[in-house]
Amino acid sequence: MDLTQIFLVITLAVTTIVLIFVGYQVFLVLREMKNILVRMNNVVGGLERMSTSVESGFNEVAGFVGGAKSVFKILEIIKNRKGTSSQEK
């Protein structure tokens, strides 16, 4: 074998080994990225559930306030009617 051919075979072998190593590292990075995305998805899901429960609480408070306003309006109407009836007598 010629010296150039030996050099090319050695270079090809080293390049192959390096590419196998790089491919394995890419595989490990992609697997870690998958794990990170799964964890982030769990966090986002938890935040979504928490925001839904907070929104539900705000809706309940808004309903309560709306009901209280209605009660006060009714009381004001009754008070005004009693005041008008007293003035007519």
Protein backbone atom coordinates (compact mmCIF):
# COMPACT_ATOMS: atom_id res chain seq x y z
CA MET A 1 0.00 0.00 0.00
CA ASP A 2 1.06 3.48 -0.76
CA LEU A 3 1.65 6.01 2.04
CA THR A 4 -1.19 8.18 0.71
CA GLN A 5 -3.64 5.27 0.86
CA ILE A 6 -2.62 4.48 4.45
CA PHE A 7 -3.10 8.12 5.39
CA LEU A 8 -6.56 8.15 3.74
CA VAL A 9 -7.63 4.93 5.50
CA ILE A 10 -6.49 6.30 8.87
CA THR A 11 -8.26 9.62 8.19
CA LEU A 12 -11.43 7.82 7.15
CA ALA A 13 -11.33 5.64 10.28
CA VAL A 14 -10.79 8.63 12.58
CA THR A 15 -13.53 10.60 10.82
CA THR A 16 -15.91 7.66 11.16
CA ILE A 17 -15.19 7.33 14.88
CA VAL A 18 -15.64 11.09 15.41
CA LEU A 19 -18.95 11.08 13.50
CA ILE A 20 -20.20 8.12 15.53
CA PHE A 21 -19.27 9.96 18.73
CA VAL A 22 -20.97 13.18 17.51
CA GLY A 23 -24.08 11.23 16.48
CA TYR A 24 -24.28 9.64 19.92
CA GLN A 25 -23.91 13.05 21.59
CA VAL A 26 -26.69 14.47 19.36
CA PHE A 27 -28.88 11.54 20.40
CA LEU A 28 -28.20 12.27 24.08
CA VAL A 29 -28.94 15.99 23.63
CA LEU A 30 -32.22 15.25 21.84
CA ARG A 31 -33.26 12.80 24.56
CA GLU A 32 -32.51 15.41 27.23
CA MET A 33 -34.48 18.02 25.27
CA LYS A 34 -37.43 15.61 25.19
CA ASN A 35 -37.25 15.22 28.97
CA ILE A 36 -37.06 18.99 29.43
CA LEU A 37 -40.08 19.51 27.17
CA VAL A 38 -42.07 16.88 29.08
CA ARG A 39 -41.27 18.65 32.37
CA MET A 40 -42.16 22.04 30.90
CA ASN A 41 -45.43 20.60 29.64
CA ASN A 42 -46.21 19.36 33.14
CA VAL A 43 -45.43 22.80 34.60
CA VAL A 44 -47.60 24.54 32.00
CA GLY A 45 -50.40 22.07 32.68
CA GLY A 46 -50.19 22.80 36.40
CA LEU A 47 -50.26 26.54 35.77
CA GLU A 48 -53.24 26.10 33.49
CA ARG A 49 -55.13 24.16 36.16
CA MET A 50 -54.21 26.79 38.76
CA SER A 51 -55.31 29.67 36.55
CA THR A 52 -58.59 27.89 35.83
CA SER A 53 -59.26 27.50 39.55
CA VAL A 54 -58.36 31.16 40.18
CA GLU A 55 -60.62 32.21 37.32
CA SER A 56 -63.41 30.12 38.78
CA GLY A 57 -62.90 31.83 42.14
CA PHE A 58 -63.05 35.28 40.51
CA ASN A 59 -66.24 34.28 38.69
CA GLU A 60 -67.80 33.19 41.98
CA VAL A 61 -66.81 36.47 43.64
CA ALA A 62 -68.19 38.42 40.67
CA GLY A 63 -71.45 36.48 40.93
CA PHE A 64 -71.65 37.20 44.64
CA VAL A 65 -71.02 40.92 44.08
CA GLY A 66 -73.66 40.99 41.33
CA GLY A 67 -76.13 39.30 43.66
CA ALA A 68 -75.34 41.76 46.45
CA LYS A 69 -75.92 44.70 44.06
CA SER A 70 -79.28 43.23 43.11
CA VAL A 71 -80.27 42.87 46.75
CA PHE A 72 -79.27 46.48 47.48
CA LYS A 73 -81.25 47.70 44.46
CA ILE A 74 -84.30 45.81 45.64
CA LEU A 75 -83.91 47.26 49.14
CA GLU A 76 -83.56 50.75 47.66
CA ILE A 77 -86.71 50.29 45.56
CA ILE A 78 -88.62 49.08 48.62
CA LYS A 79 -87.30 52.01 50.65
CA ASN A 80 -88.33 54.46 47.92
CA ARG A 81 -91.84 52.95 47.72
CA LYS A 82 -92.26 53.17 51.48
CA GLY A 83 -91.05 56.76 51.39
CA THR A 84 -93.50 57.61 48.60
CA SER A 85 -96.38 55.90 50.43
CA SER A 86 -95.62 57.82 53.63
CA GLN A 87 -95.61 61.14 51.79
CA GLU A 88 -98.99 60.44 50.12
CA LYS A 89 -100.81 59.99 53.45
